[in-house]
Structures are given as structure tokens and as C-alpha cells.
Amino acid sequence: MRIEKVEIELLRLPLPRAMMSGSSSGANGGPVTHINMPVVVITTDEGIRGLGYAWSLLGGATATKRVLQDDFAPLLLG
């Protein structure tokens, strides 16, 4: 069995109500209103699919997606 396809999506999920995070305090702090969630779907040559995800409250979601897409995905293929 070999991995043929790695798909990465970035979801931005709104929270039902804003919350404060210890990381969001200070001069630039404020309420956290959403969760960033990178989702990875891996498909094999036998048609088996797997799904994985992570989440974060603050910045770095786009960078995380790019690292998964540009650095990790090529290592998994084949």
C-alpha cells in the first residue's frame, strides 16, 4: 500500500461565544472568536482514506498549512 494523495484544507471555525486566552492578553490582546483547524486527508493506492486534524486559537494557521503542504506532504507520497 502506498500513499497517492495528500490534501490539506484550512478551516476557520467561529466559536459560539468569544473567549479570552492567556496568549491573547496584553497590548494587542482581545477576545478569541474562532478556531483555526488544518485538516489533512490521505488517500492510498488501494482507496483507503484517513483524516487528521489539529487546531489553534491564535495566529500561524496559514504557515501551518504551508508547512504541511510544502514540507510534509512530499515526504508522505509513495
Protein backbone atom coordinates (compact mmCIF):
# COMPACT_ATOMS: atom_id res chain seq x y z
CA MET A 1 0.00 0.00 0.00
CA ARG A 2 1.30 3.44 -0.96
CA ILE A 3 0.12 6.97 -0.27
CA GLU A 4 -1.02 8.55 -3.52
CA LYS A 5 -2.62 11.79 -2.41
CA VAL A 6 -2.32 14.24 0.48
CA GLU A 7 -4.93 17.00 0.68
CA ILE A 8 -4.73 19.87 3.16
CA GLU A 9 -7.54 22.31 3.92
CA LEU A 10 -7.59 25.13 6.44
CA LEU A 11 -10.87 25.69 8.27
CA ARG A 12 -11.71 28.76 10.31
CA LEU A 13 -14.46 27.80 12.74
CA PRO A 14 -16.36 30.51 14.60
CA LEU A 15 -16.85 30.00 18.33
CA PRO A 16 -20.41 30.22 19.66
CA ARG A 17 -19.15 32.93 22.03
CA ALA A 18 -15.86 34.77 22.26
CA MET A 19 -13.38 33.67 24.92
CA MET A 20 -10.16 35.00 26.38
CA SER A 21 -6.95 33.05 26.01
CA GLY A 22 -3.82 33.58 28.13
CA SER A 23 -1.98 34.18 24.85
CA SER A 24 -4.41 36.88 23.74
CA SER A 25 -3.81 39.26 26.64
CA GLY A 26 -1.53 42.29 26.66
CA ALA A 27 -1.40 45.36 24.45
CA ASN A 28 -2.53 43.51 21.30
CA GLY A 29 -4.82 41.08 23.10
CA GLY A 30 -8.51 40.67 22.70
CA PRO A 31 -11.19 38.03 22.61
CA VAL A 32 -10.69 34.86 20.58
CA THR A 33 -13.62 34.48 18.18
CA HIS A 34 -12.63 31.46 16.08
CA ILE A 35 -10.52 28.30 15.94
CA ASN A 36 -8.08 27.60 13.09
CA MET A 37 -8.14 23.95 12.04
CA PRO A 38 -5.83 22.40 9.43
CA VAL A 39 -7.40 19.18 8.11
CA VAL A 40 -5.33 16.54 6.27
CA VAL A 41 -6.85 13.75 4.14
CA ILE A 42 -4.51 10.98 2.99
CA THR A 43 -5.53 8.54 0.23
CA THR A 44 -3.73 5.30 -0.65
CA ASP A 45 -3.49 3.46 -3.96
CA GLU A 46 -6.00 0.94 -2.54
CA GLY A 47 -8.58 3.67 -1.97
CA ILE A 48 -8.20 3.78 1.81
CA ARG A 49 -8.63 7.28 3.21
CA GLY A 50 -7.54 8.70 6.53
CA LEU A 51 -8.30 12.05 8.11
CA GLY A 52 -6.34 14.03 10.67
CA TYR A 53 -6.69 17.48 12.15
CA ALA A 54 -5.24 19.89 14.66
CA TRP A 55 -6.38 23.24 16.00
CA SER A 56 -5.07 26.52 17.31
CA LEU A 57 -6.68 29.59 18.81
CA LEU A 58 -4.36 32.28 17.51
CA GLY A 59 -2.09 33.01 14.53
CA GLY A 60 0.06 30.73 12.48
CA ALA A 61 -2.68 28.76 10.73
CA THR A 62 -1.62 29.72 7.20
CA ALA A 63 2.02 28.93 8.00
CA THR A 64 0.98 25.56 9.44
CA LYS A 65 -0.94 24.74 6.25
CA ARG A 66 2.05 25.67 4.08
CA VAL A 67 4.44 23.51 6.13
CA LEU A 68 2.06 20.55 5.84
CA GLN A 69 1.58 21.15 2.12
CA ASP A 70 5.12 22.02 1.06
CA ASP A 71 7.28 20.05 3.51
CA PHE A 72 5.37 17.08 4.94
CA ALA A 73 3.10 16.04 2.06
CA PRO A 74 6.01 15.32 -0.34
CA LEU A 75 7.63 13.12 2.32
CA LEU A 76 4.47 11.01 2.63
CA LEU A 77 3.82 10.40 -1.07
CA GLY A 78 4.85 6.99 -2.34
